[in-house]
Amino acid sequence: MAALDLLGRRWALRILWELRSGPHTFRALREACEDVSPTVLNTRLRELREANLIERSDEGYTLTLQGGRLGEALAPLDAWSKRWERSL
């Protein structure tokens, strides 16, 4: 339940989604997430770091091994959502 609680928080999944393509700076993440406030982004980044899903590197924020595995686990959900969207 702890994982669902974390991932259900606003912007958490979006941040992870944006990091799947590689490291992002704070500014790049803020731009990619469009409406997220700096305060909320900082909070989510802290929470995701504490959960060992992301880390900070010289290039910015990046997925950890666990974060990458989470992305792999969510891939079937992504595929399902694309099929669902086409059926609407």
PDB file of N, CA and C in Angstrom:
ATOM      1  N   MET A   1       0.817  -1.200   0.000  1.00  0.00           N
ATOM      2  CA  MET A   1       0.000   0.000   0.000  1.00  0.00           C
ATOM      3  C   MET A   1       0.859   1.261   0.000  1.00  0.00           C
ATOM      4  N   ALA A   2       2.060   1.172   0.588  1.00  0.00           N
ATOM      5  CA  ALA A   2       2.931   2.350   0.633  1.00  0.00           C
ATOM      6  C   ALA A   2       3.309   2.801  -0.779  1.00  0.00           C
ATOM      7  N   ALA A   3       3.579   1.844  -1.663  1.00  0.00           N
ATOM      8  CA  ALA A   3       3.941   2.196  -3.038  1.00  0.00           C
ATOM      9  C   ALA A   3       2.774   2.874  -3.751  1.00  0.00           C
ATOM     10  N   LEU A   4       1.575   2.337  -3.571  1.00  0.00           N
ATOM     11  CA  LEU A   4       0.400   2.951  -4.202  1.00  0.00           C
ATOM     12  C   LEU A   4       0.137   4.340  -3.644  1.00  0.00           C
ATOM     13  N   ASP A   5       0.367   4.519  -2.360  1.00  0.00           N
ATOM     14  CA  ASP A   5       0.203   5.843  -1.760  1.00  0.00           C
ATOM     15  C   ASP A   5       1.172   6.836  -2.400  1.00  0.00           C
ATOM     16  N   LEU A   6       2.427   6.442  -2.514  1.00  0.00           N
ATOM     17  CA  LEU A   6       3.433   7.325  -3.104  1.00  0.00           C
ATOM     18  C   LEU A   6       3.117   7.623  -4.561  1.00  0.00           C
ATOM     19  N   LEU A   7       2.835   6.595  -5.338  1.00  0.00           N
ATOM     20  CA  LEU A   7       2.591   6.779  -6.767  1.00  0.00           C
ATOM     21  C   LEU A   7       1.279   7.497  -7.051  1.00  0.00           C
ATOM     22  N   GLY A   8       0.360   7.458  -6.097  1.00  0.00           N
ATOM     23  CA  GLY A   8      -0.914   8.138  -6.266  1.00  0.00           C
ATOM     24  C   GLY A   8      -0.866   9.627  -5.966  1.00  0.00           C
ATOM     25  N   ARG A   9       0.249  10.085  -5.451  1.00  0.00           N
ATOM     26  CA  ARG A   9       0.362  11.513  -5.163  1.00  0.00           C
ATOM     27  C   ARG A   9       0.526  12.285  -6.457  1.00  0.00           C
ATOM     28  N   ARG A  10      -0.111  13.443  -6.483  1.00  0.00           N
ATOM     29  CA  ARG A  10      -0.098  14.250  -7.699  1.00  0.00           C
ATOM     30  C   ARG A  10       1.325  14.502  -8.170  1.00  0.00           C
ATOM     31  N   TRP A  11       1.562  14.296  -9.432  1.00  0.00           N
ATOM     32  CA  TRP A  11       2.811  14.519 -10.153  1.00  0.00           C
ATOM     33  C   TRP A  11       3.852  13.414  -9.993  1.00  0.00           C
ATOM     34  N   ALA A  12       3.702  12.494  -9.062  1.00  0.00           N
ATOM     35  CA  ALA A  12       4.731  11.470  -8.843  1.00  0.00           C
ATOM     36  C   ALA A  12       4.946  10.621 -10.102  1.00  0.00           C
ATOM     37  N   LEU A  13       3.881  10.068 -10.652  1.00  0.00           N
ATOM     38  CA  LEU A  13       4.024   9.245 -11.851  1.00  0.00           C
ATOM     39  C   LEU A  13       4.511  10.064 -13.047  1.00  0.00           C
ATOM     40  N   ARG A  14       4.072  11.281 -13.142  1.00  0.00           N
ATOM     41  CA  ARG A  14       4.505  12.135 -14.265  1.00  0.00           C
ATOM     42  C   ARG A  14       6.009  12.377 -14.197  1.00  0.00           C
ATOM     43  N   ILE A  15       6.523  12.622 -13.007  1.00  0.00           N
ATOM     44  CA  ILE A  15       7.962  12.834 -12.843  1.00  0.00           C
ATOM     45  C   ILE A  15       8.717  11.577 -13.261  1.00  0.00           C
ATOM     46  N   LEU A  16       8.273  10.434 -12.788  1.00  0.00           N
ATOM     47  CA  LEU A  16       8.917   9.176 -13.166  1.00  0.00           C
ATOM     48  C   LEU A  16       8.835   8.952 -14.677  1.00  0.00           C
ATOM     49  N   TRP A  17       7.696   9.282 -15.267  1.00  0.00           N
ATOM     50  CA  TRP A  17       7.502   9.130 -16.711  1.00  0.00           C
ATOM     51  C   TRP A  17       8.498   9.991 -17.475  1.00  0.00           C
ATOM     52  N   GLU A  18       8.680  11.227 -17.053  1.00  0.00           N
ATOM     53  CA  GLU A  18       9.605  12.129 -17.733  1.00  0.00           C
ATOM     54  C   GLU A  18      11.047  11.650 -17.607  1.00  0.00           C
ATOM     55  N   LEU A  19      11.387  11.022 -16.490  1.00  0.00           N
ATOM     56  CA  LEU A  19      12.766  10.578 -16.267  1.00  0.00           C
ATOM     57  C   LEU A  19      13.095   9.283 -17.012  1.00  0.00           C
ATOM     58  N   ARG A  20      12.117   8.632 -17.596  1.00  0.00           N
ATOM     59  CA  ARG A  20      12.377   7.373 -18.297  1.00  0.00           C
ATOM     60  C   ARG A  20      13.309   7.580 -19.480  1.00  0.00           C
ATOM     61  N   SER A  21      13.331   8.775 -20.039  1.00  0.00           N
ATOM     62  CA  SER A  21      14.175   9.041 -21.210  1.00  0.00           C
ATOM     63  C   SER A  21      15.578   9.503 -20.836  1.00  0.00           C
ATOM     64  N   GLY A  22      15.842   9.658 -19.551  1.00  0.00           N
ATOM     65  CA  GLY A  22      17.175  10.081 -19.121  1.00  0.00           C
ATOM     66  C   GLY A  22      17.108  11.204 -18.104  1.00  0.00           C
ATOM     67  N   PRO A  23      18.278  11.648 -17.649  1.00  0.00           N
ATOM     68  CA  PRO A  23      18.333  12.679 -16.603  1.00  0.00           C
ATOM     69  C   PRO A  23      17.680  13.990 -17.022  1.00  0.00           C
ATOM     70  N   HIS A  24      17.087  14.652 -16.042  1.00  0.00           N
ATOM     71  CA  HIS A  24      16.494  15.975 -16.235  1.00  0.00           C
ATOM     72  C   HIS A  24      16.926  16.866 -15.076  1.00  0.00           C
ATOM     73  N   THR A  25      17.205  18.112 -15.379  1.00  0.00           N
ATOM     74  CA  THR A  25      17.445  19.085 -14.321  1.00  0.00           C
ATOM     75  C   THR A  25      16.104  19.467 -13.697  1.00  0.00           C
ATOM     76  N   PHE A  26      16.157  20.163 -12.582  1.00  0.00           N
ATOM     77  CA  PHE A  26      14.927  20.635 -11.937  1.00  0.00           C
ATOM     78  C   PHE A  26      14.125  21.475 -12.924  1.00  0.00           C
ATOM     79  N   ARG A  27      14.792  22.376 -13.590  1.00  0.00           N
ATOM     80  CA  ARG A  27      14.109  23.269 -14.539  1.00  0.00           C
ATOM     81  C   ARG A  27      13.475  22.482 -15.686  1.00  0.00           C
ATOM     82  N   ALA A  28      14.194  21.511 -16.224  1.00  0.00           N
ATOM     83  CA  ALA A  28      13.651  20.701 -17.319  1.00  0.00           C
ATOM     84  C   ALA A  28      12.440  19.889 -16.852  1.00  0.00           C
ATOM     85  N   LEU A  29      12.496  19.357 -15.635  1.00  0.00           N
ATOM     86  CA  LEU A  29      11.339  18.627 -15.102  1.00  0.00           C
ATOM     87  C   LEU A  29      10.155  19.555 -14.915  1.00  0.00           C
ATOM     88  N   ARG A  30      10.422  20.732 -14.413  1.00  0.00           N
ATOM     89  CA  ARG A  30       9.331  21.701 -14.205  1.00  0.00           C
ATOM     90  C   ARG A  30       8.670  22.050 -15.532  1.00  0.00           C
ATOM     91  N   GLU A  31       9.454  22.248 -16.570  1.00  0.00           N
ATOM     92  CA  GLU A  31       8.900  22.554 -17.893  1.00  0.00           C
ATOM     93  C   GLU A  31       8.130  21.361 -18.448  1.00  0.00           C
ATOM     94  N   ALA A  32       8.661  20.168 -18.276  1.00  0.00           N
ATOM     95  CA  ALA A  32       8.004  18.961 -18.787  1.00  0.00           C
ATOM     96  C   ALA A  32       6.680  18.703 -18.082  1.00  0.00           C
ATOM     97  N   CYS A  33       6.609  19.068 -16.814  1.00  0.00           N
ATOM     98  CA  CYS A  33       5.397  18.828 -16.021  1.00  0.00           C
ATOM     99  C   CYS A  33       4.453  20.027 -16.039  1.00  0.00           C
ATOM    100  N   GLU A  34       4.732  21.010 -16.838  1.00  0.00           N
ATOM    101  CA  GLU A  34       3.891  22.160 -17.125  1.00  0.00           C
ATOM    102  C   GLU A  34       3.342  22.921 -15.923  1.00  0.00           C
ATOM    103  N   ASP A  35       2.374  22.391 -15.224  1.00  0.00           N
ATOM    104  CA  ASP A  35       1.687  23.174 -14.194  1.00  0.00           C
ATOM    105  C   ASP A  35       2.183  22.932 -12.780  1.00  0.00           C
ATOM    106  N   VAL A  36       3.183  22.109 -12.592  1.00  0.00           N
ATOM    107  CA  VAL A  36       3.629  21.785 -11.242  1.00  0.00           C
ATOM    108  C   VAL A  36       4.330  22.999 -10.622  1.00  0.00           C
ATOM    109  N   SER A  37       4.012  23.276  -9.377  1.00  0.00           N
ATOM    110  CA  SER A  37       4.666  24.385  -8.682  1.00  0.00           C
ATOM    111  C   SER A  37       6.043  23.923  -8.211  1.00  0.00           C
ATOM    112  N   PRO A  38       6.968  24.848  -8.039  1.00  0.00           N
ATOM    113  CA  PRO A  38       8.296  24.468  -7.555  1.00  0.00           C
ATOM    114  C   PRO A  38       8.240  23.777  -6.197  1.00  0.00           C
ATOM    115  N   THR A  39       7.344  24.207  -5.333  1.00  0.00           N
ATOM    116  CA  THR A  39       7.220  23.604  -4.005  1.00  0.00           C
ATOM    117  C   THR A  39       6.783  22.150  -4.102  1.00  0.00           C
ATOM    118  N   VAL A  40       5.767  21.879  -4.909  1.00  0.00           N
ATOM    119  CA  VAL A  40       5.276  20.512  -5.071  1.00  0.00           C
ATOM    120  C   VAL A  40       6.339  19.655  -5.752  1.00  0.00           C
ATOM    121  N   LEU A  41       6.999  20.185  -6.759  1.00  0.00           N
ATOM    122  CA  LEU A  41       8.042  19.422  -7.444  1.00  0.00           C
ATOM    123  C   LEU A  41       9.158  19.053  -6.468  1.00  0.00           C
ATOM    124  N   ASN A  42       9.591  19.995  -5.658  1.00  0.00           N
ATOM    125  CA  ASN A  42      10.621  19.708  -4.652  1.00  0.00           C
ATOM    126  C   ASN A  42      10.166  18.614  -3.690  1.00  0.00           C
ATOM    127  N   THR A  43       8.920  18.697  -3.262  1.00  0.00           N
ATOM    128  CA  THR A  43       8.386  17.700  -2.331  1.00  0.00           C
ATOM    129  C   THR A  43       8.364  16.321  -2.972  1.00  0.00           C
ATOM    130  N   ARG A  44       7.860  16.225  -4.213  1.00  0.00           N
ATOM    131  CA  ARG A  44       7.796  14.933  -4.886  1.00  0.00           C
ATOM    132  C   ARG A  44       9.193  14.378  -5.153  1.00  0.00           C
ATOM    133  N   LEU A  45      10.112  15.227  -5.552  1.00  0.00           N
ATOM    134  CA  LEU A  45      11.472  14.757  -5.788  1.00  0.00           C
ATOM    135  C   LEU A  45      12.081  14.203  -4.501  1.00  0.00           C
ATOM    136  N   ARG A  46      11.852  14.875  -3.399  1.00  0.00           N
ATOM    137  CA  ARG A  46      12.361  14.397  -2.102  1.00  0.00           C
ATOM    138  C   ARG A  46      11.745  13.047  -1.767  1.00  0.00           C
ATOM    139  N   GLU A  47      10.430  12.931  -1.940  1.00  0.00           N
ATOM    140  CA  GLU A  47       9.743  11.670  -1.636  1.00  0.00           C
ATOM    141  C   GLU A  47      10.233  10.529  -2.525  1.00  0.00           C
ATOM    142  N   LEU A  48      10.422  10.800  -3.793  1.00  0.00           N
ATOM    143  CA  LEU A  48      10.882   9.770  -4.718  1.00  0.00           C
ATOM    144  C   LEU A  48      12.340   9.393  -4.450  1.00  0.00           C
ATOM    145  N   ARG A  49      13.159  10.359  -4.009  1.00  0.00           N
ATOM    146  CA  ARG A  49      14.539  10.038  -3.604  1.00  0.00           C
ATOM    147  C   ARG A  49      14.539   9.181  -2.353  1.00  0.00           C
ATOM    148  N   GLU A  50      13.709   9.540  -1.382  1.00  0.00           N
ATOM    149  CA  GLU A  50      13.631   8.767  -0.139  1.00  0.00           C
ATOM    150  C   GLU A  50      13.148   7.338  -0.403  1.00  0.00           C
ATOM    151  N   ALA A  51      12.330   7.149  -1.434  1.00  0.00           N
ATOM    152  CA  ALA A  51      11.825   5.820  -1.797  1.00  0.00           C
ATOM    153  C   ALA A  51      12.808   5.064  -2.695  1.00  0.00           C
ATOM    154  N   ASN A  52      13.949   5.668  -2.977  1.00  0.00           N
ATOM    155  CA  ASN A  52      14.990   5.064  -3.810  1.00  0.00           C
ATOM    156  C   ASN A  52      14.513   4.792  -5.239  1.00  0.00           C
ATOM    157  N   LEU A  53      13.652   5.663  -5.746  1.00  0.00           N
ATOM    158  CA  LEU A  53      13.187   5.540  -7.126  1.00  0.00           C
ATOM    159  C   LEU A  53      13.940   6.480  -8.058  1.00  0.00           C
ATOM    160  N   ILE A  54      14.430   7.580  -7.512  1.00  0.00           N
ATOM    161  CA  ILE A  54      15.243   8.515  -8.289  1.00  0.00           C
ATOM    162  C   ILE A  54      16.450   8.916  -7.455  1.00  0.00           C
ATOM    163  N   GLU A  55      17.432   9.480  -8.147  1.00  0.00           N
ATOM    164  CA  GLU A  55      18.608  10.014  -7.469  1.00  0.00           C
ATOM    165  C   GLU A  55      19.080  11.242  -8.220  1.00  0.00           C
ATOM    166  N   ARG A  56      19.919  11.996  -7.572  1.00  0.00           N
ATOM    167  CA  ARG A  56      20.484  13.176  -8.204  1.00  0.00           C
ATOM    168  C   ARG A  56      21.881  12.856  -8.687  1.00  0.00           C
ATOM    169  N   SER A  57      22.172  13.238  -9.908  1.00  0.00           N
ATOM    170  CA  SER A  57      23.507  13.045 -10.470  1.00  0.00           C
ATOM    171  C   SER A  57      24.014  14.400 -10.951  1.00  0.00           C
ATOM    172  N   ASP A  58      25.187  14.409 -11.523  1.00  0.00           N
ATOM    173  CA  ASP A  58      25.727  15.659 -12.070  1.00  0.00           C
ATOM    174  C   ASP A  58      24.865  16.191 -13.210  1.00  0.00           C
ATOM    175  N   GLU A  59      24.143  15.286 -13.877  1.00  0.00           N
ATOM    176  CA  GLU A  59      23.307  15.677 -15.012  1.00  0.00           C
ATOM    177  C   GLU A  59      21.893  16.065 -14.607  1.00  0.00           C
ATOM    178  N   GLY A  60      21.525  15.823 -13.370  1.00  0.00           N
ATOM    179  CA  GLY A  60      20.174  16.135 -12.895  1.00  0.00           C
ATOM    180  C   GLY A  60      19.580  14.939 -12.181  1.00  0.00           C
ATOM    181  N   TYR A  61      18.276  14.851 -12.200  1.00  0.00           N
ATOM    182  CA  TYR A  61      17.579  13.735 -11.563  1.00  0.00           C
ATOM    183  C   TYR A  61      17.480  12.588 -12.549  1.00  0.00           C
ATOM    184  N   THR A  62      17.651  11.384 -12.047  1.00  0.00           N
ATOM    185  CA  THR A  62      17.624  10.199 -12.890  1.00  0.00           C
ATOM    186  C   THR A  62      16.989   9.038 -12.127  1.00  0.00           C
ATOM    187  N   LEU A  63      16.474   8.074 -12.859  1.00  0.00           N
ATOM    188  CA  LEU A  63      15.895   6.893 -12.227  1.00  0.00           C
ATOM    189  C   LEU A  63      16.995   6.026 -11.626  1.00  0.00           C
ATOM    190  N   THR A  64      16.722   5.438 -10.491  1.00  0.00           N
ATOM    191  CA  THR A  64      17.603   4.428  -9.918  1.00  0.00           C
ATOM    192  C   THR A  64      17.271   3.091 -10.580  1.00  0.00           C
ATOM    193  N   LEU A  65      17.987   2.068 -10.200  1.00  0.00           N
ATOM    194  CA  LEU A  65      17.672   0.732 -10.700  1.00  0.00           C
ATOM    195  C   LEU A  65      16.234   0.371 -10.323  1.00  0.00           C
ATOM    196  N   GLN A  66      15.845   0.673  -9.074  1.00  0.00           N
ATOM    197  CA  GLN A  66      14.469   0.395  -8.632  1.00  0.00           C
ATOM    198  C   GLN A  66      13.457   1.212  -9.437  1.00  0.00           C
ATOM    199  N   GLY A  67      13.792   2.455  -9.731  1.00  0.00           N
ATOM    200  CA  GLY A  67      12.911   3.293 -10.535  1.00  0.00           C
ATOM    201  C   GLY A  67      12.731   2.741 -11.934  1.00  0.00           C
ATOM    202  N   GLY A  68      13.820   2.226 -12.516  1.00  0.00           N
ATOM    203  CA  GLY A  68      13.740   1.597 -13.832  1.00  0.00           C
ATOM    204  C   GLY A  68      12.890   0.340 -13.801  1.00  0.00           C
ATOM    205  N   ARG A  69      13.033  -0.433 -12.724  1.00  0.00           N
ATOM    206  CA  ARG A  69      12.216  -1.647 -12.590  1.00  0.00           C
ATOM    207  C   ARG A  69      10.740  -1.299 -12.442  1.00  0.00           C
ATOM    208  N   LEU A  70      10.464  -0.206 -11.744  1.00  0.00           N
ATOM    209  CA  LEU A  70       9.070   0.238 -11.633  1.00  0.00           C
ATOM    210  C   LEU A  70       8.530   0.580 -13.011  1.00  0.00           C
ATOM    211  N   GLY A  71       9.330   1.257 -13.823  1.00  0.00           N
ATOM    212  CA  GLY A  71       8.915   1.577 -15.182  1.00  0.00           C
ATOM    213  C   GLY A  71       8.599   0.327 -15.985  1.00  0.00           C
ATOM    214  N   GLU A  72       9.426  -0.703 -15.835  1.00  0.00           N
ATOM    215  CA  GLU A  72       9.177  -1.971 -16.516  1.00  0.00           C
ATOM    216  C   GLU A  72       7.868  -2.599 -16.028  1.00  0.00           C
ATOM    217  N   ALA A  73       7.617  -2.498 -14.735  1.00  0.00           N
ATOM    218  CA  ALA A  73       6.389  -3.072 -14.176  1.00  0.00           C
ATOM    219  C   ALA A  73       5.155  -2.321 -14.661  1.00  0.00           C
ATOM    220  N   LEU A  74       5.304  -1.029 -14.933  1.00  0.00           N
ATOM    221  CA  LEU A  74       4.171  -0.223 -15.383  1.00  0.00           C
ATOM    222  C   LEU A  74       3.960  -0.271 -16.895  1.00  0.00           C
ATOM    223  N   ALA A  75       4.895  -0.859 -17.637  1.00  0.00           N
ATOM    224  CA  ALA A  75       4.785  -0.915 -19.102  1.00  0.00           C
ATOM    225  C   ALA A  75       3.482  -1.573 -19.565  1.00  0.00           C
ATOM    226  N   PRO A  76       3.044  -2.681 -18.951  1.00  0.00           N
ATOM    227  CA  PRO A  76       1.753  -3.252 -19.381  1.00  0.00           C
ATOM    228  C   PRO A  76       0.578  -2.294 -19.151  1.00  0.00           C
ATOM    229  N   LEU A  77       0.622  -1.520 -18.097  1.00  0.00           N
ATOM    230  CA  LEU A  77      -0.438  -0.541 -17.850  1.00  0.00           C
ATOM    231  C   LEU A  77      -0.418   0.540 -18.925  1.00  0.00           C
ATOM    232  N   ASP A  78       0.770   0.963 -19.336  1.00  0.00           N
ATOM    233  CA  ASP A  78       0.892   1.938 -20.413  1.00  0.00           C
ATOM    234  C   ASP A  78       0.303   1.391 -21.702  1.00  0.00           C
ATOM    235  N   ALA A  79       0.623   0.136 -22.016  1.00  0.00           N
ATOM    236  CA  ALA A  79       0.081  -0.488 -23.231  1.00  0.00           C
ATOM    237  C   ALA A  79      -1.439  -0.585 -23.158  1.00  0.00           C
ATOM    238  N   TRP A  80      -1.959  -0.979 -22.012  1.00  0.00           N
ATOM    239  CA  TRP A  80      -3.405  -1.070 -21.842  1.00  0.00           C
ATOM    240  C   TRP A  80      -4.052   0.301 -22.026  1.00  0.00           C
ATOM    241  N   SER A  81      -3.448   1.341 -21.447  1.00  0.00           N
ATOM    242  CA  SER A  81      -4.057   2.668 -21.531  1.00  0.00           C
ATOM    243  C   SER A  81      -4.096   3.187 -22.960  1.00  0.00           C
ATOM    244  N   LYS A  82      -3.090   2.829 -23.755  1.00  0.00           N
ATOM    245  CA  LYS A  82      -3.099   3.242 -25.169  1.00  0.00           C
ATOM    246  C   LYS A  82      -4.202   2.528 -25.939  1.00  0.00           C
ATOM    247  N   ARG A  83      -4.382   1.238 -25.667  1.00  0.00           N
ATOM    248  CA  ARG A  83      -5.488   0.501 -26.312  1.00  0.00           C
ATOM    249  C   ARG A  83      -6.833   1.072 -25.873  1.00  0.00           C
ATOM    250  N   TRP A  84      -6.973   1.361 -24.608  1.00  0.00           N
ATOM    251  CA  TRP A  84      -8.212   1.909 -24.069  1.00  0.00           C
ATOM    252  C   TRP A  84      -8.530   3.253 -24.702  1.00  0.00           C
ATOM    253  N   GLU A  85      -7.513   4.100 -24.828  1.00  0.00           N
ATOM    254  CA  GLU A  85      -7.714   5.430 -25.415  1.00  0.00           C
ATOM    255  C   GLU A  85      -8.202   5.325 -26.862  1.00  0.00           C
ATOM    256  N   ARG A  86      -7.645   4.379 -27.611  1.00  0.00           N
ATOM    257  CA  ARG A  86      -8.079   4.194 -29.011  1.00  0.00           C
ATOM    258  C   ARG A  86      -9.513   3.699 -29.110  1.00  0.00           C
ATOM    259  N   SER A  87      -9.984   3.019 -28.060  1.00  0.00           N
ATOM    260  CA  SER A  87     -11.339   2.455 -28.105  1.00  0.00           C
ATOM    261  C   SER A  87     -12.414   3.471 -27.753  1.00  0.00           C
ATOM    262  N   LEU A  88     -12.030   4.633 -27.273  1.00  0.00           N
ATOM    263  CA  LEU A  88     -13.031   5.653 -26.885  1.00  0.00           C
ATOM    264  C   LEU A  88     -13.664   6.305 -28.080  1.00  0.00           C
TER     265      LEU A  88
END
